[in-house]
Amino acid sequence: MIMKSSPIRLTKQKLSAKAASDKKKRDIAAAKTPARRAKKAQNQRIGQKSSSDLHHDGNKVVRTSIKNNRGFFGRGTKTE
């Protein structure tokens, strides 16, 4: 038997069905804005590396190490 999707839903937020549906619609709308689509296209042109993340800072793209990005740039995660 081949399972096409997992019966277990792994979500970080415990939302009602309506709230989850509304959030999904908002997230998709945000992802499809012209500015966000342009950033995605630019990321694909540059190419992603497993050792860093790309940040859009105005008109330039800054490559940031995973360590700095996940650690709130040296300030730790508890102060976010």
PDB file of N, CA and C in Angstrom:
ATOM      1  N   MET A   1       0.843  -1.180   0.000  1.00  0.00           N
ATOM      2  CA  MET A   1       0.000   0.000   0.000  1.00  0.00           C
ATOM      3  C   MET A   1       0.888   1.243   0.000  1.00  0.00           C
ATOM      4  N   ILE A   2       0.630   2.162  -0.887  1.00  0.00           N
ATOM      5  CA  ILE A   2       1.399   3.392  -0.988  1.00  0.00           C
ATOM      6  C   ILE A   2       0.577   4.542  -0.408  1.00  0.00           C
ATOM      7  N   MET A   3       1.177   5.234   0.557  1.00  0.00           N
ATOM      8  CA  MET A   3       0.496   6.382   1.157  1.00  0.00           C
ATOM      9  C   MET A   3       0.891   7.644   0.396  1.00  0.00           C
ATOM     10  N   LYS A   4      -0.082   8.376  -0.069  1.00  0.00           N
ATOM     11  CA  LYS A   4       0.213   9.600  -0.812  1.00  0.00           C
ATOM     12  C   LYS A   4       0.521  10.763   0.111  1.00  0.00           C
ATOM     13  N   SER A   5      -0.009  10.740   1.312  1.00  0.00           N
ATOM     14  CA  SER A   5       0.295  11.788   2.285  1.00  0.00           C
ATOM     15  C   SER A   5       0.205  11.188   3.680  1.00  0.00           C
ATOM     16  N   SER A   6       0.873  11.825   4.590  1.00  0.00           N
ATOM     17  CA  SER A   6       0.901  11.331   5.954  1.00  0.00           C
ATOM     18  C   SER A   6      -0.411  11.663   6.661  1.00  0.00           C
ATOM     19  N   PRO A   7      -0.938  10.749   7.453  1.00  0.00           N
ATOM     20  CA  PRO A   7      -2.148  11.052   8.213  1.00  0.00           C
ATOM     21  C   PRO A   7      -1.848  11.949   9.415  1.00  0.00           C
ATOM     22  N   ILE A   8      -0.579  12.131   9.735  1.00  0.00           N
ATOM     23  CA  ILE A   8      -0.190  12.951  10.867  1.00  0.00           C
ATOM     24  C   ILE A   8       0.077  14.367  10.380  1.00  0.00           C
ATOM     25  N   ARG A   9      -0.573  15.325  10.995  1.00  0.00           N
ATOM     26  CA  ARG A   9      -0.366  16.732  10.630  1.00  0.00           C
ATOM     27  C   ARG A   9       0.597  17.358  11.627  1.00  0.00           C
ATOM     28  N   LEU A  10       1.743  17.796  11.135  1.00  0.00           N
ATOM     29  CA  LEU A  10       2.741  18.419  11.991  1.00  0.00           C
ATOM     30  C   LEU A  10       2.666  19.930  11.812  1.00  0.00           C
ATOM     31  N   THR A  11       1.978  20.588  12.709  1.00  0.00           N
ATOM     32  CA  THR A  11       1.858  22.039  12.637  1.00  0.00           C
ATOM     33  C   THR A  11       2.387  22.649  13.921  1.00  0.00           C
ATOM     34  N   LYS A  12       2.992  23.810  13.813  1.00  0.00           N
ATOM     35  CA  LYS A  12       3.527  24.487  14.987  1.00  0.00           C
ATOM     36  C   LYS A  12       2.437  25.223  15.741  1.00  0.00           C
ATOM     37  N   GLN A  13       1.400  25.632  15.032  1.00  0.00           N
ATOM     38  CA  GLN A  13       0.321  26.375  15.666  1.00  0.00           C
ATOM     39  C   GLN A  13      -0.922  25.504  15.739  1.00  0.00           C
ATOM     40  N   LYS A  14      -1.570  25.534  16.874  1.00  0.00           N
ATOM     41  CA  LYS A  14      -2.810  24.772  17.025  1.00  0.00           C
ATOM     42  C   LYS A  14      -3.967  25.700  16.712  1.00  0.00           C
ATOM     43  N   LEU A  15      -4.420  25.640  15.465  1.00  0.00           N
ATOM     44  CA  LEU A  15      -5.480  26.518  14.998  1.00  0.00           C
ATOM     45  C   LEU A  15      -6.715  25.710  14.657  1.00  0.00           C
ATOM     46  N   SER A  16      -7.857  26.359  14.774  1.00  0.00           N
ATOM     47  CA  SER A  16      -9.089  25.711  14.349  1.00  0.00           C
ATOM     48  C   SER A  16      -9.048  25.568  12.831  1.00  0.00           C
ATOM     49  N   ALA A  17      -9.934  24.777  12.294  1.00  0.00           N
ATOM     50  CA  ALA A  17      -9.953  24.543  10.852  1.00  0.00           C
ATOM     51  C   ALA A  17     -10.179  25.856  10.101  1.00  0.00           C
ATOM     52  N   LYS A  18     -11.084  26.703  10.598  1.00  0.00           N
ATOM     53  CA  LYS A  18     -11.362  27.970   9.935  1.00  0.00           C
ATOM     54  C   LYS A  18     -10.157  28.911  10.032  1.00  0.00           C
ATOM     55  N   ALA A  19      -9.546  28.977  11.206  1.00  0.00           N
ATOM     56  CA  ALA A  19      -8.386  29.857  11.383  1.00  0.00           C
ATOM     57  C   ALA A  19      -7.223  29.403  10.507  1.00  0.00           C
ATOM     58  N   ALA A  20      -7.001  28.083  10.419  1.00  0.00           N
ATOM     59  CA  ALA A  20      -5.931  27.558   9.577  1.00  0.00           C
ATOM     60  C   ALA A  20      -6.194  27.859   8.107  1.00  0.00           C
ATOM     61  N   SER A  21      -7.438  27.750   7.691  1.00  0.00           N
ATOM     62  CA  SER A  21      -7.812  28.049   6.312  1.00  0.00           C
ATOM     63  C   SER A  21      -7.591  29.532   6.004  1.00  0.00           C
ATOM     64  N   ASP A  22      -8.011  30.397   6.930  1.00  0.00           N
ATOM     65  CA  ASP A  22      -7.819  31.837   6.740  1.00  0.00           C
ATOM     66  C   ASP A  22      -6.336  32.189   6.687  1.00  0.00           C
ATOM     67  N   LYS A  23      -5.541  31.560   7.556  1.00  0.00           N
ATOM     68  CA  LYS A  23      -4.095  31.821   7.587  1.00  0.00           C
ATOM     69  C   LYS A  23      -3.448  31.366   6.278  1.00  0.00           C
ATOM     70  N   LYS A  24      -3.874  30.221   5.777  1.00  0.00           N
ATOM     71  CA  LYS A  24      -3.336  29.716   4.514  1.00  0.00           C
ATOM     72  C   LYS A  24      -3.599  30.704   3.382  1.00  0.00           C
ATOM     73  N   LYS A  25      -4.821  31.261   3.342  1.00  0.00           N
ATOM     74  CA  LYS A  25      -5.166  32.234   2.311  1.00  0.00           C
ATOM     75  C   LYS A  25      -4.304  33.491   2.433  1.00  0.00           C
ATOM     76  N   ARG A  26      -4.104  33.970   3.676  1.00  0.00           N
ATOM     77  CA  ARG A  26      -3.270  35.161   3.893  1.00  0.00           C
ATOM     78  C   ARG A  26      -1.822  34.897   3.493  1.00  0.00           C
ATOM     79  N   ASP A  27      -1.300  33.725   3.867  1.00  0.00           N
ATOM     80  CA  ASP A  27       0.085  33.385   3.550  1.00  0.00           C
ATOM     81  C   ASP A  27       0.308  33.281   2.041  1.00  0.00           C
ATOM     82  N   ILE A  28      -0.637  32.680   1.338  1.00  0.00           N
ATOM     83  CA  ILE A  28      -0.512  32.548  -0.117  1.00  0.00           C
ATOM     84  C   ILE A  28      -0.589  33.926  -0.767  1.00  0.00           C
ATOM     85  N   ALA A  29      -1.493  34.784  -0.273  1.00  0.00           N
ATOM     86  CA  ALA A  29      -1.600  36.140  -0.825  1.00  0.00           C
ATOM     87  C   ALA A  29      -0.304  36.916  -0.609  1.00  0.00           C
ATOM     88  N   ALA A  30       0.315  36.760   0.558  1.00  0.00           N
ATOM     89  CA  ALA A  30       1.575  37.455   0.850  1.00  0.00           C
ATOM     90  C   ALA A  30       2.702  36.924  -0.027  1.00  0.00           C
ATOM     91  N   ALA A  31       2.700  35.634  -0.291  1.00  0.00           N
ATOM     92  CA  ALA A  31       3.761  35.026  -1.098  1.00  0.00           C
ATOM     93  C   ALA A  31       3.650  35.404  -2.570  1.00  0.00           C
ATOM     94  N   LYS A  32       2.474  35.838  -2.989  1.00  0.00           N
ATOM     95  CA  LYS A  32       2.271  36.146  -4.403  1.00  0.00           C
ATOM     96  C   LYS A  32       2.297  37.640  -4.709  1.00  0.00           C
ATOM     97  N   THR A  33       2.700  38.467  -3.746  1.00  0.00           N
ATOM     98  CA  THR A  33       2.817  39.895  -4.032  1.00  0.00           C
ATOM     99  C   THR A  33       3.960  40.102  -5.015  1.00  0.00           C
ATOM    100  N   PRO A  34       3.915  41.153  -5.819  1.00  0.00           N
ATOM    101  CA  PRO A  34       4.985  41.384  -6.797  1.00  0.00           C
ATOM    102  C   PRO A  34       6.374  41.477  -6.162  1.00  0.00           C
ATOM    103  N   ALA A  35       6.481  42.132  -5.020  1.00  0.00           N
ATOM    104  CA  ALA A  35       7.791  42.274  -4.364  1.00  0.00           C
ATOM    105  C   ALA A  35       8.319  40.915  -3.917  1.00  0.00           C
ATOM    106  N   ARG A  36       7.443  40.088  -3.343  1.00  0.00           N
ATOM    107  CA  ARG A  36       7.873  38.775  -2.855  1.00  0.00           C
ATOM    108  C   ARG A  36       8.254  37.857  -4.012  1.00  0.00           C
ATOM    109  N   ARG A  37       7.492  37.924  -5.100  1.00  0.00           N
ATOM    110  CA  ARG A  37       7.812  37.097  -6.280  1.00  0.00           C
ATOM    111  C   ARG A  37       9.152  37.509  -6.888  1.00  0.00           C
ATOM    112  N   ALA A  38       9.440  38.807  -6.887  1.00  0.00           N
ATOM    113  CA  ALA A  38      10.718  39.288  -7.418  1.00  0.00           C
ATOM    114  C   ALA A  38      11.880  38.789  -6.556  1.00  0.00           C
ATOM    115  N   LYS A  39      11.686  38.789  -5.237  1.00  0.00           N
ATOM    116  CA  LYS A  39      12.743  38.293  -4.336  1.00  0.00           C
ATOM    117  C   LYS A  39      12.979  36.793  -4.540  1.00  0.00           C
ATOM    118  N   LYS A  40      11.911  36.051  -4.718  1.00  0.00           N
ATOM    119  CA  LYS A  40      12.052  34.610  -4.960  1.00  0.00           C
ATOM    120  C   LYS A  40      12.820  34.345  -6.251  1.00  0.00           C
ATOM    121  N   ALA A  41      12.469  35.109  -7.300  1.00  0.00           N
ATOM    122  CA  ALA A  41      13.145  34.935  -8.595  1.00  0.00           C
ATOM    123  C   ALA A  41      14.619  35.288  -8.474  1.00  0.00           C
ATOM    124  N   GLN A  42      14.915  36.347  -7.746  1.00  0.00           N
ATOM    125  CA  GLN A  42      16.304  36.750  -7.553  1.00  0.00           C
ATOM    126  C   GLN A  42      17.076  35.677  -6.782  1.00  0.00           C
ATOM    127  N   ASN A  43      16.457  35.107  -5.761  1.00  0.00           N
ATOM    128  CA  ASN A  43      17.101  34.027  -5.009  1.00  0.00           C
ATOM    129  C   ASN A  43      17.421  32.843  -5.916  1.00  0.00           C
ATOM    130  N   GLN A  44      16.518  32.512  -6.811  1.00  0.00           N
ATOM    131  CA  GLN A  44      16.747  31.389  -7.708  1.00  0.00           C
ATOM    132  C   GLN A  44      17.876  31.683  -8.692  1.00  0.00           C
ATOM    133  N   ARG A  45      17.967  32.938  -9.153  1.00  0.00           N
ATOM    134  CA  ARG A  45      19.052  33.307 -10.054  1.00  0.00           C
ATOM    135  C   ARG A  45      20.409  33.227  -9.356  1.00  0.00           C
ATOM    136  N   ILE A  46      20.453  33.673  -8.098  1.00  0.00           N
ATOM    137  CA  ILE A  46      21.712  33.667  -7.344  1.00  0.00           C
ATOM    138  C   ILE A  46      22.099  32.248  -6.962  1.00  0.00           C
ATOM    139  N   GLY A  47      21.138  31.480  -6.507  1.00  0.00           N
ATOM    140  CA  GLY A  47      21.398  30.110  -6.076  1.00  0.00           C
ATOM    141  C   GLY A  47      21.618  30.032  -4.581  1.00  0.00           C
ATOM    142  N   GLN A  48      21.048  29.036  -3.970  1.00  0.00           N
ATOM    143  CA  GLN A  48      21.143  28.861  -2.527  1.00  0.00           C
ATOM    144  C   GLN A  48      22.274  27.912  -2.196  1.00  0.00           C
ATOM    145  N   LYS A  49      22.986  28.201  -1.113  1.00  0.00           N
ATOM    146  CA  LYS A  49      24.024  27.318  -0.606  1.00  0.00           C
ATOM    147  C   LYS A  49      23.550  26.743   0.719  1.00  0.00           C
ATOM    148  N   SER A  50      24.003  25.550   1.055  1.00  0.00           N
ATOM    149  CA  SER A  50      23.578  24.933   2.299  1.00  0.00           C
ATOM    150  C   SER A  50      24.218  25.590   3.520  1.00  0.00           C
ATOM    151  N   SER A  51      25.246  26.418   3.305  1.00  0.00           N
ATOM    152  CA  SER A  51      25.948  27.033   4.430  1.00  0.00           C
ATOM    153  C   SER A  51      25.485  28.460   4.723  1.00  0.00           C
ATOM    154  N   SER A  52      24.546  28.986   3.940  1.00  0.00           N
ATOM    155  CA  SER A  52      24.140  30.370   4.155  1.00  0.00           C
ATOM    156  C   SER A  52      22.705  30.615   3.702  1.00  0.00           C
ATOM    157  N   ASP A  53      22.157  31.756   4.187  1.00  0.00           N
ATOM    158  CA  ASP A  53      20.831  32.220   3.782  1.00  0.00           C
ATOM    159  C   ASP A  53      20.987  33.538   3.051  1.00  0.00           C
ATOM    160  N   LEU A  54      20.010  33.861   2.231  1.00  0.00           N
ATOM    161  CA  LEU A  54      20.038  35.128   1.496  1.00  0.00           C
ATOM    162  C   LEU A  54      19.056  36.099   2.141  1.00  0.00           C
ATOM    163  N   HIS A  55      19.504  37.340   2.353  1.00  0.00           N
ATOM    164  CA  HIS A  55      18.661  38.389   2.909  1.00  0.00           C
ATOM    165  C   HIS A  55      18.609  39.537   1.918  1.00  0.00           C
ATOM    166  N   HIS A  56      17.417  40.067   1.699  1.00  0.00           N
ATOM    167  CA  HIS A  56      17.246  41.197   0.794  1.00  0.00           C
ATOM    168  C   HIS A  56      17.282  42.466   1.627  1.00  0.00           C
ATOM    169  N   ASP A  57      18.308  43.280   1.386  1.00  0.00           N
ATOM    170  CA  ASP A  57      18.515  44.512   2.138  1.00  0.00           C
ATOM    171  C   ASP A  57      18.433  45.678   1.155  1.00  0.00           C
ATOM    172  N   GLY A  58      17.230  46.226   0.996  1.00  0.00           N
ATOM    173  CA  GLY A  58      17.052  47.293   0.016  1.00  0.00           C
ATOM    174  C   GLY A  58      17.208  46.756  -1.390  1.00  0.00           C
ATOM    175  N   ASN A  59      18.195  47.268  -2.122  1.00  0.00           N
ATOM    176  CA  ASN A  59      18.415  46.827  -3.495  1.00  0.00           C
ATOM    177  C   ASN A  59      19.502  45.781  -3.612  1.00  0.00           C
ATOM    178  N   LYS A  60      20.081  45.368  -2.517  1.00  0.00           N
ATOM    179  CA  LYS A  60      21.152  44.374  -2.576  1.00  0.00           C
ATOM    180  C   LYS A  60      20.769  43.119  -1.809  1.00  0.00           C
ATOM    181  N   VAL A  61      21.460  42.053  -2.115  1.00  0.00           N
ATOM    182  CA  VAL A  61      21.233  40.785  -1.438  1.00  0.00           C
ATOM    183  C   VAL A  61      22.467  40.468  -0.600  1.00  0.00           C
ATOM    184  N   VAL A  62      22.253  40.159   0.667  1.00  0.00           N
ATOM    185  CA  VAL A  62      23.345  39.869   1.583  1.00  0.00           C
ATOM    186  C   VAL A  62      23.290  38.393   1.934  1.00  0.00           C
ATOM    187  N   ARG A  63      24.410  37.706   1.787  1.00  0.00           N
ATOM    188  CA  ARG A  63      24.491  36.292   2.150  1.00  0.00           C
ATOM    189  C   ARG A  63      24.911  36.221   3.614  1.00  0.00           C
ATOM    190  N   THR A  64      24.105  35.537   4.434  1.00  0.00           N
ATOM    191  CA  THR A  64      24.334  35.443   5.868  1.00  0.00           C
ATOM    192  C   THR A  64      24.546  33.992   6.249  1.00  0.00           C
ATOM    193  N   SER A  65      25.493  33.738   7.137  1.00  0.00           N
ATOM    194  CA  SER A  65      25.752  32.365   7.552  1.00  0.00           C
ATOM    195  C   SER A  65      24.550  31.832   8.333  1.00  0.00           C
ATOM    196  N   ILE A  66      24.355  30.535   8.277  1.00  0.00           N
ATOM    197  CA  ILE A  66      23.257  29.883   8.995  1.00  0.00           C
ATOM    198  C   ILE A  66      23.395  30.141  10.492  1.00  0.00           C
ATOM    199  N   LYS A  67      24.610  30.073  10.992  1.00  0.00           N
ATOM    200  CA  LYS A  67      24.855  30.268  12.422  1.00  0.00           C
ATOM    201  C   LYS A  67      24.384  31.653  12.864  1.00  0.00           C
ATOM    202  N   ASN A  68      24.755  32.684  12.119  1.00  0.00           N
ATOM    203  CA  ASN A  68      24.323  34.040  12.475  1.00  0.00           C
ATOM    204  C   ASN A  68      22.822  34.206  12.321  1.00  0.00           C
ATOM    205  N   ASN A  69      22.269  33.666  11.265  1.00  0.00           N
ATOM    206  CA  ASN A  69      20.846  33.835  11.002  1.00  0.00           C
ATOM    207  C   ASN A  69      19.995  33.156  12.067  1.00  0.00           C
ATOM    208  N   ARG A  70      20.327  31.943  12.435  1.00  0.00           N
ATOM    209  CA  ARG A  70      19.537  31.203  13.424  1.00  0.00           C
ATOM    210  C   ARG A  70      19.764  31.721  14.838  1.00  0.00           C
ATOM    211  N   GLY A  71      20.899  32.322  15.089  1.00  0.00           N
ATOM    212  CA  GLY A  71      21.207  32.820  16.429  1.00  0.00           C
ATOM    213  C   GLY A  71      20.926  34.284  16.597  1.00  0.00           C
ATOM    214  N   PHE A  72      20.073  34.858  15.781  1.00  0.00           N
ATOM    215  CA  PHE A  72      19.667  36.266  15.871  1.00  0.00           C
ATOM    216  C   PHE A  72      20.904  37.162  15.845  1.00  0.00           C
ATOM    217  N   PHE A  73      21.827  36.833  14.960  1.00  0.00           N
ATOM    218  CA  PHE A  73      23.042  37.612  14.723  1.00  0.00           C
ATOM    219  C   PHE A  73      23.873  37.823  15.985  1.00  0.00           C
ATOM    220  N   GLY A  74      24.055  36.731  16.734  1.00  0.00           N
ATOM    221  CA  GLY A  74      24.929  36.765  17.899  1.00  0.00           C
ATOM    222  C   GLY A  74      24.235  37.188  19.193  1.00  0.00           C
ATOM    223  N   ARG A  75      22.955  37.521  19.140  1.00  0.00           N
ATOM    224  CA  ARG A  75      22.250  37.966  20.349  1.00  0.00           C
ATOM    225  C   ARG A  75      21.455  36.854  21.017  1.00  0.00           C
ATOM    226  N   GLY A  76      21.518  35.650  20.469  1.00  0.00           N
ATOM    227  CA  GLY A  76      20.795  34.528  21.056  1.00  0.00           C
ATOM    228  C   GLY A  76      19.327  34.530  20.659  1.00  0.00           C
ATOM    229  N   THR A  77      18.655  33.408  20.874  1.00  0.00           N
ATOM    230  CA  THR A  77      17.279  33.278  20.430  1.00  0.00           C
ATOM    231  C   THR A  77      16.277  33.686  21.504  1.00  0.00           C
ATOM    232  N   LYS A  78      16.705  33.853  22.746  1.00  0.00           N
ATOM    233  CA  LYS A  78      15.758  34.197  23.808  1.00  0.00           C
ATOM    234  C   LYS A  78      15.391  35.668  23.808  1.00  0.00           C
ATOM    235  N   THR A  79      16.161  36.500  23.111  1.00  0.00           N
ATOM    236  CA  THR A  79      15.904  37.938  23.115  1.00  0.00           C
ATOM    237  C   THR A  79      15.083  38.384  21.910  1.00  0.00           C
ATOM    238  N   GLU A  80      14.665  37.469  21.054  1.00  0.00           N
ATOM    239  CA  GLU A  80      13.904  37.847  19.849  1.00  0.00           C
ATOM    240  C   GLU A  80      12.537  38.374  20.217  1.00  0.00           C
TER     241      GLU A  80
END
